[in-house]
């Protein structure tokens, strides 16, 4: 079993009154803690290998969309 962990994500969106511009800012994994997302155990013929996949680290992004209107 893997220990419990917390993960907080946030997103803020803004759209201009004319809906020409859309801006989004996001932060995934605000706290920055890594947790175990998946653990695999392999059989004897693979030397009882164990593979652990962690959660993604903190990611910050900005998305800007401009709509061209005819």
PDB file of N, CA and C in Angstrom:
ATOM      1  N   UNK A   1       0.836  -1.180   0.000  1.00  0.00           N
ATOM      2  CA  UNK A   1       0.000   0.000   0.000  1.00  0.00           C
ATOM      3  C   UNK A   1       0.883   1.246   0.000  1.00  0.00           C
ATOM      4  N   UNK A   2       0.334   2.310  -0.520  1.00  0.00           N
ATOM      5  CA  UNK A   2       1.058   3.576  -0.587  1.00  0.00           C
ATOM      6  C   UNK A   2       0.494   4.527   0.463  1.00  0.00           C
ATOM      7  N   UNK A   3       1.340   5.371   1.040  1.00  0.00           N
ATOM      8  CA  UNK A   3       0.841   6.342   2.009  1.00  0.00           C
ATOM      9  C   UNK A   3      -0.072   7.373   1.336  1.00  0.00           C
ATOM     10  N   UNK A   4      -1.010   7.889   2.091  1.00  0.00           N
ATOM     11  CA  UNK A   4      -1.938   8.902   1.576  1.00  0.00           C
ATOM     12  C   UNK A   4      -1.204  10.215   1.325  1.00  0.00           C
ATOM     13  N   UNK A   5      -1.712  11.003   0.397  1.00  0.00           N
ATOM     14  CA  UNK A   5      -1.143  12.313   0.134  1.00  0.00           C
ATOM     15  C   UNK A   5      -2.264  13.240  -0.335  1.00  0.00           C
ATOM     16  N   UNK A   6      -2.028  14.537  -0.206  1.00  0.00           N
ATOM     17  CA  UNK A   6      -2.968  15.552  -0.654  1.00  0.00           C
ATOM     18  C   UNK A   6      -2.449  16.165  -1.936  1.00  0.00           C
ATOM     19  N   UNK A   7      -3.368  16.517  -2.800  1.00  0.00           N
ATOM     20  CA  UNK A   7      -2.995  17.226  -4.025  1.00  0.00           C
ATOM     21  C   UNK A   7      -4.047  18.299  -4.270  1.00  0.00           C
ATOM     22  N   UNK A   8      -3.592  19.540  -4.405  1.00  0.00           N
ATOM     23  CA  UNK A   8      -4.486  20.665  -4.673  1.00  0.00           C
ATOM     24  C   UNK A   8      -4.127  21.270  -6.017  1.00  0.00           C
ATOM     25  N   UNK A   9      -5.152  21.507  -6.832  1.00  0.00           N
ATOM     26  CA  UNK A   9      -4.990  22.163  -8.122  1.00  0.00           C
ATOM     27  C   UNK A   9      -5.880  23.412  -8.130  1.00  0.00           C
ATOM     28  N   UNK A  10      -5.525  24.399  -8.938  1.00  0.00           N
ATOM     29  CA  UNK A  10      -6.342  25.608  -9.047  1.00  0.00           C
ATOM     30  C   UNK A  10      -6.276  26.135 -10.476  1.00  0.00           C
ATOM     31  N   UNK A  11      -7.370  26.770 -10.893  1.00  0.00           N
ATOM     32  CA  UNK A  11      -7.435  27.390 -12.220  1.00  0.00           C
ATOM     33  C   UNK A  11      -8.273  28.644 -12.112  1.00  0.00           C
ATOM     34  N   UNK A  12      -7.807  29.724 -12.748  1.00  0.00           N
ATOM     35  CA  UNK A  12      -8.559  30.974 -12.803  1.00  0.00           C
ATOM     36  C   UNK A  12      -8.742  31.334 -14.277  1.00  0.00           C
ATOM     37  N   UNK A  13      -9.976  31.681 -14.655  1.00  0.00           N
ATOM     38  CA  UNK A  13     -10.299  32.011 -16.037  1.00  0.00           C
ATOM     39  C   UNK A  13     -10.824  33.439 -16.122  1.00  0.00           C
ATOM     40  N   UNK A  14     -10.525  34.110 -17.240  1.00  0.00           N
ATOM     41  CA  UNK A  14     -11.070  35.432 -17.514  1.00  0.00           C
ATOM     42  C   UNK A  14     -11.419  35.490 -18.990  1.00  0.00           C
ATOM     43  N   UNK A  15     -12.585  36.048 -19.298  1.00  0.00           N
ATOM     44  CA  UNK A  15     -13.022  36.245 -20.671  1.00  0.00           C
ATOM     45  C   UNK A  15     -13.375  37.715 -20.847  1.00  0.00           C
ATOM     46  N   UNK A  16     -12.887  38.327 -21.930  1.00  0.00           N
ATOM     47  CA  UNK A  16     -13.190  39.740 -22.182  1.00  0.00           C
ATOM     48  C   UNK A  16     -14.689  39.890 -22.489  1.00  0.00           C
ATOM     49  N   UNK A  17     -15.241  41.075 -22.250  1.00  0.00           N
ATOM     50  CA  UNK A  17     -16.668  41.294 -22.508  1.00  0.00           C
ATOM     51  C   UNK A  17     -17.082  40.963 -23.949  1.00  0.00           C
ATOM     52  N   UNK A  18     -16.200  41.205 -24.901  1.00  0.00           N
ATOM     53  CA  UNK A  18     -16.509  40.897 -26.304  1.00  0.00           C
ATOM     54  C   UNK A  18     -16.233  39.433 -26.643  1.00  0.00           C
ATOM     55  N   UNK A  19     -15.698  38.688 -25.694  1.00  0.00           N
ATOM     56  CA  UNK A  19     -15.325  37.265 -25.850  1.00  0.00           C
ATOM     57  C   UNK A  19     -14.242  37.062 -26.907  1.00  0.00           C
ATOM     58  N   UNK A  20     -13.471  38.113 -27.178  1.00  0.00           N
ATOM     59  CA  UNK A  20     -12.351  38.003 -28.115  1.00  0.00           C
ATOM     60  C   UNK A  20     -11.147  37.367 -27.436  1.00  0.00           C
ATOM     61  N   UNK A  21     -10.908  37.728 -26.180  1.00  0.00           N
ATOM     62  CA  UNK A  21      -9.771  37.200 -25.414  1.00  0.00           C
ATOM     63  C   UNK A  21     -10.263  36.267 -24.317  1.00  0.00           C
ATOM     64  N   UNK A  22      -9.521  35.179 -24.124  1.00  0.00           N
ATOM     65  CA  UNK A  22      -9.744  34.277 -22.993  1.00  0.00           C
ATOM     66  C   UNK A  22      -8.376  33.976 -22.389  1.00  0.00           C
ATOM     67  N   UNK A  23      -8.271  34.143 -21.091  1.00  0.00           N
ATOM     68  CA  UNK A  23      -7.003  33.905 -20.401  1.00  0.00           C
ATOM     69  C   UNK A  23      -7.255  32.962 -19.236  1.00  0.00           C
ATOM     70  N   UNK A  24      -6.418  31.958 -19.108  1.00  0.00           N
ATOM     71  CA  UNK A  24      -6.507  31.019 -17.988  1.00  0.00           C
ATOM     72  C   UNK A  24      -5.132  30.847 -17.377  1.00  0.00           C
ATOM     73  N   UNK A  25      -5.069  30.831 -16.067  1.00  0.00           N
ATOM     74  CA  UNK A  25      -3.835  30.533 -15.341  1.00  0.00           C
ATOM     75  C   UNK A  25      -4.129  29.339 -14.450  1.00  0.00           C
ATOM     76  N   UNK A  26      -3.185  28.407 -14.390  1.00  0.00           N
ATOM     77  CA  UNK A  26      -3.421  27.228 -13.565  1.00  0.00           C
ATOM     78  C   UNK A  26      -2.170  26.821 -12.805  1.00  0.00           C
ATOM     79  N   UNK A  27      -2.395  26.151 -11.692  1.00  0.00           N
ATOM     80  CA  UNK A  27      -1.319  25.545 -10.905  1.00  0.00           C
ATOM     81  C   UNK A  27      -1.791  24.146 -10.544  1.00  0.00           C
ATOM     82  N   UNK A  28      -1.046  23.153 -10.979  1.00  0.00           N
ATOM     83  CA  UNK A  28      -1.330  21.766 -10.599  1.00  0.00           C
ATOM     84  C   UNK A  28      -0.348  21.357  -9.516  1.00  0.00           C
ATOM     85  N   UNK A  29      -0.833  20.655  -8.510  1.00  0.00           N
ATOM     86  CA  UNK A  29      -0.027  20.203  -7.380  1.00  0.00           C
ATOM     87  C   UNK A  29       0.591  21.402  -6.650  1.00  0.00           C
ATOM     88  N   UNK A  30      -0.265  22.273  -6.143  1.00  0.00           N
ATOM     89  CA  UNK A  30       0.158  23.506  -5.478  1.00  0.00           C
ATOM     90  C   UNK A  30       1.161  23.229  -4.356  1.00  0.00           C
ATOM     91  N   UNK A  31       0.900  22.232  -3.556  1.00  0.00           N
ATOM     92  CA  UNK A  31       1.761  21.924  -2.409  1.00  0.00           C
ATOM     93  C   UNK A  31       3.136  21.435  -2.871  1.00  0.00           C
ATOM     94  N   UNK A  32       3.196  20.741  -3.996  1.00  0.00           N
ATOM     95  CA  UNK A  32       4.464  20.264  -4.531  1.00  0.00           C
ATOM     96  C   UNK A  32       4.908  18.918  -3.984  1.00  0.00           C
ATOM     97  N   UNK A  33       4.083  18.297  -3.138  1.00  0.00           N
ATOM     98  CA  UNK A  33       4.446  16.983  -2.598  1.00  0.00           C
ATOM     99  C   UNK A  33       4.278  15.907  -3.668  1.00  0.00           C
ATOM    100  N   UNK A  34       5.167  14.933  -3.644  1.00  0.00           N
ATOM    101  CA  UNK A  34       5.053  13.804  -4.548  1.00  0.00           C
ATOM    102  C   UNK A  34       4.461  12.626  -3.790  1.00  0.00           C
ATOM    103  N   UNK A  35       3.560  11.938  -4.435  1.00  0.00           N
ATOM    104  CA  UNK A  35       2.950  10.746  -3.853  1.00  0.00           C
ATOM    105  C   UNK A  35       3.116   9.582  -4.819  1.00  0.00           C
ATOM    106  N   UNK A  36       2.780   8.390  -4.381  1.00  0.00           N
ATOM    107  CA  UNK A  36       2.861   7.210  -5.229  1.00  0.00           C
ATOM    108  C   UNK A  36       1.529   7.064  -5.960  1.00  0.00           C
ATOM    109  N   UNK A  37       1.580   7.144  -7.281  1.00  0.00           N
ATOM    110  CA  UNK A  37       0.369   6.997  -8.084  1.00  0.00           C
ATOM    111  C   UNK A  37       0.119   5.534  -8.427  1.00  0.00           C
ATOM    112  N   UNK A  38       1.198   4.771  -8.627  1.00  0.00           N
ATOM    113  CA  UNK A  38       1.053   3.386  -9.049  1.00  0.00           C
ATOM    114  C   UNK A  38       2.268   2.588  -8.601  1.00  0.00           C
ATOM    115  N   UNK A  39       2.032   1.342  -8.222  1.00  0.00           N
ATOM    116  CA  UNK A  39       3.125   0.443  -7.863  1.00  0.00           C
ATOM    117  C   UNK A  39       2.862  -0.901  -8.514  1.00  0.00           C
ATOM    118  N   UNK A  40       3.847  -1.409  -9.230  1.00  0.00           N
ATOM    119  CA  UNK A  40       3.725  -2.707  -9.882  1.00  0.00           C
ATOM    120  C   UNK A  40       4.731  -3.679  -9.287  1.00  0.00           C
ATOM    121  N   UNK A  41       4.311  -4.920  -9.128  1.00  0.00           N
ATOM    122  CA  UNK A  41       5.224  -5.976  -8.688  1.00  0.00           C
ATOM    123  C   UNK A  41       5.293  -7.009  -9.794  1.00  0.00           C
ATOM    124  N   UNK A  42       6.510  -7.425 -10.133  1.00  0.00           N
ATOM    125  CA  UNK A  42       6.720  -8.375 -11.212  1.00  0.00           C
ATOM    126  C   UNK A  42       7.064  -9.744 -10.634  1.00  0.00           C
ATOM    127  N   UNK A  43       6.839 -10.827 -11.388  1.00  0.00           N
ATOM    128  CA  UNK A  43       7.058 -12.188 -10.895  1.00  0.00           C
ATOM    129  C   UNK A  43       8.537 -12.576 -10.809  1.00  0.00           C
ATOM    130  N   UNK A  44       8.749 -13.796 -10.352  1.00  0.00           N
ATOM    131  CA  UNK A  44      10.102 -14.306 -10.100  1.00  0.00           C
ATOM    132  C   UNK A  44      10.996 -14.232 -11.334  1.00  0.00           C
ATOM    133  N   UNK A  45      10.464 -14.587 -12.517  1.00  0.00           N
ATOM    134  CA  UNK A  45      11.315 -14.597 -13.709  1.00  0.00           C
ATOM    135  C   UNK A  45      11.763 -13.188 -14.114  1.00  0.00           C
ATOM    136  N   UNK A  46      11.214 -12.184 -13.492  1.00  0.00           N
ATOM    137  CA  UNK A  46      11.679 -10.812 -13.696  1.00  0.00           C
ATOM    138  C   UNK A  46      12.337 -10.280 -12.424  1.00  0.00           C
ATOM    139  N   UNK A  47      12.856 -11.182 -11.633  1.00  0.00           N
ATOM    140  CA  UNK A  47      13.639 -10.882 -10.425  1.00  0.00           C
ATOM    141  C   UNK A  47      12.839 -10.078  -9.392  1.00  0.00           C
ATOM    142  N   UNK A  48      11.544 -10.312  -9.325  1.00  0.00           N
ATOM    143  CA  UNK A  48      10.666  -9.632  -8.347  1.00  0.00           C
ATOM    144  C   UNK A  48      10.805  -8.109  -8.401  1.00  0.00           C
ATOM    145  N   UNK A  49      11.039  -7.606  -9.584  1.00  0.00           N
ATOM    146  CA  UNK A  49      11.196  -6.174  -9.798  1.00  0.00           C
ATOM    147  C   UNK A  49       9.957  -5.423  -9.301  1.00  0.00           C
ATOM    148  N   UNK A  50      10.171  -4.267  -8.724  1.00  0.00           N
ATOM    149  CA  UNK A  50       9.071  -3.383  -8.323  1.00  0.00           C
ATOM    150  C   UNK A  50       9.255  -2.052  -9.028  1.00  0.00           C
ATOM    151  N   UNK A  51       8.163  -1.564  -9.587  1.00  0.00           N
ATOM    152  CA  UNK A  51       8.186  -0.300 -10.320  1.00  0.00           C
ATOM    153  C   UNK A  51       7.189   0.641  -9.662  1.00  0.00           C
ATOM    154  N   UNK A  52       7.655   1.845  -9.340  1.00  0.00           N
ATOM    155  CA  UNK A  52       6.809   2.838  -8.681  1.00  0.00           C
ATOM    156  C   UNK A  52       6.733   4.077  -9.566  1.00  0.00           C
ATOM    157  N   UNK A  53       5.513   4.576  -9.786  1.00  0.00           N
ATOM    158  CA  UNK A  53       5.287   5.798 -10.547  1.00  0.00           C
ATOM    159  C   UNK A  53       4.781   6.862  -9.582  1.00  0.00           C
ATOM    160  N   UNK A  54       5.452   8.011  -9.580  1.00  0.00           N
ATOM    161  CA  UNK A  54       5.045   9.091  -8.672  1.00  0.00           C
ATOM    162  C   UNK A  54       4.059  10.025  -9.366  1.00  0.00           C
ATOM    163  N   UNK A  55       3.417  10.853  -8.578  1.00  0.00           N
ATOM    164  CA  UNK A  55       2.548  11.887  -9.127  1.00  0.00           C
ATOM    165  C   UNK A  55       3.408  12.948  -9.807  1.00  0.00           C
ATOM    166  N   UNK A  56       2.790  13.783 -10.597  1.00  0.00           N
ATOM    167  CA  UNK A  56       3.520  14.835 -11.294  1.00  0.00           C
ATOM    168  C   UNK A  56       3.933  15.933 -10.319  1.00  0.00           C
ATOM    169  N   UNK A  57       5.084  16.583 -10.559  1.00  0.00           N
ATOM    170  CA  UNK A  57       5.501  17.698  -9.700  1.00  0.00           C
ATOM    171  C   UNK A  57       4.632  18.930  -9.974  1.00  0.00           C
ATOM    172  N   UNK A  58       4.887  20.013  -9.240  1.00  0.00           N
ATOM    173  CA  UNK A  58       4.127  21.251  -9.433  1.00  0.00           C
ATOM    174  C   UNK A  58       4.298  21.743 -10.870  1.00  0.00           C
ATOM    175  N   UNK A  59       3.188  22.183 -11.442  1.00  0.00           N
ATOM    176  CA  UNK A  59       3.187  22.690 -12.807  1.00  0.00           C
ATOM    177  C   UNK A  59       2.360  23.962 -12.841  1.00  0.00           C
ATOM    178  N   UNK A  60       2.950  25.040 -13.369  1.00  0.00           N
ATOM    179  CA  UNK A  60       2.279  26.334 -13.465  1.00  0.00           C
ATOM    180  C   UNK A  60       2.171  26.685 -14.944  1.00  0.00           C
ATOM    181  N   UNK A  61       0.998  27.179 -15.350  1.00  0.00           N
ATOM    182  CA  UNK A  61       0.845  27.499 -16.756  1.00  0.00           C
ATOM    183  C   UNK A  61      -0.091  28.666 -17.005  1.00  0.00           C
ATOM    184  N   UNK A  62       0.039  29.237 -18.185  1.00  0.00           N
ATOM    185  CA  UNK A  62      -0.793  30.344 -18.625  1.00  0.00           C
ATOM    186  C   UNK A  62      -1.256  30.019 -20.038  1.00  0.00           C
ATOM    187  N   UNK A  63      -2.552  30.182 -20.259  1.00  0.00           N
ATOM    188  CA  UNK A  63      -3.126  29.896 -21.572  1.00  0.00           C
ATOM    189  C   UNK A  63      -3.836  31.157 -22.053  1.00  0.00           C
ATOM    190  N   UNK A  64      -3.498  31.608 -23.266  1.00  0.00           N
ATOM    191  CA  UNK A  64      -4.105  32.805 -23.837  1.00  0.00           C
ATOM    192  C   UNK A  64      -4.716  32.428 -25.184  1.00  0.00           C
ATOM    193  N   UNK A  65      -5.978  32.781 -25.359  1.00  0.00           N
ATOM    194  CA  UNK A  65      -6.691  32.470 -26.605  1.00  0.00           C
ATOM    195  C   UNK A  65      -7.246  33.781 -27.168  1.00  0.00           C
ATOM    196  N   UNK A  66      -7.001  33.997 -28.461  1.00  0.00           N
ATOM    197  CA  UNK A  66      -7.572  35.142 -29.169  1.00  0.00           C
ATOM    198  C   UNK A  66      -8.441  34.608 -30.283  1.00  0.00           C
ATOM    199  N   UNK A  67      -9.712  35.012 -30.313  1.00  0.00           N
ATOM    200  CA  UNK A  67     -10.639  34.572 -31.349  1.00  0.00           C
ATOM    201  C   UNK A  67     -10.723  35.626 -32.443  1.00  0.00           C
ATOM    202  N   UNK A  68     -10.342  35.215 -33.663  1.00  0.00           N
ATOM    203  CA  UNK A  68     -10.461  36.100 -34.813  1.00  0.00           C
ATOM    204  C   UNK A  68     -11.905  36.016 -35.300  1.00  0.00           C
ATOM    205  N   UNK A  69     -12.553  37.160 -35.377  1.00  0.00           N
ATOM    206  CA  UNK A  69     -13.940  37.186 -35.863  1.00  0.00           C
ATOM    207  C   UNK A  69     -13.956  37.820 -37.249  1.00  0.00           C
ATOM    208  N   UNK A  70     -14.700  37.232 -38.190  1.00  0.00           N
ATOM    209  CA  UNK A  70     -14.731  37.791 -39.561  1.00  0.00           C
ATOM    210  C   UNK A  70     -15.397  39.146 -39.628  1.00  0.00           C
TER     211      UNK A  70
END
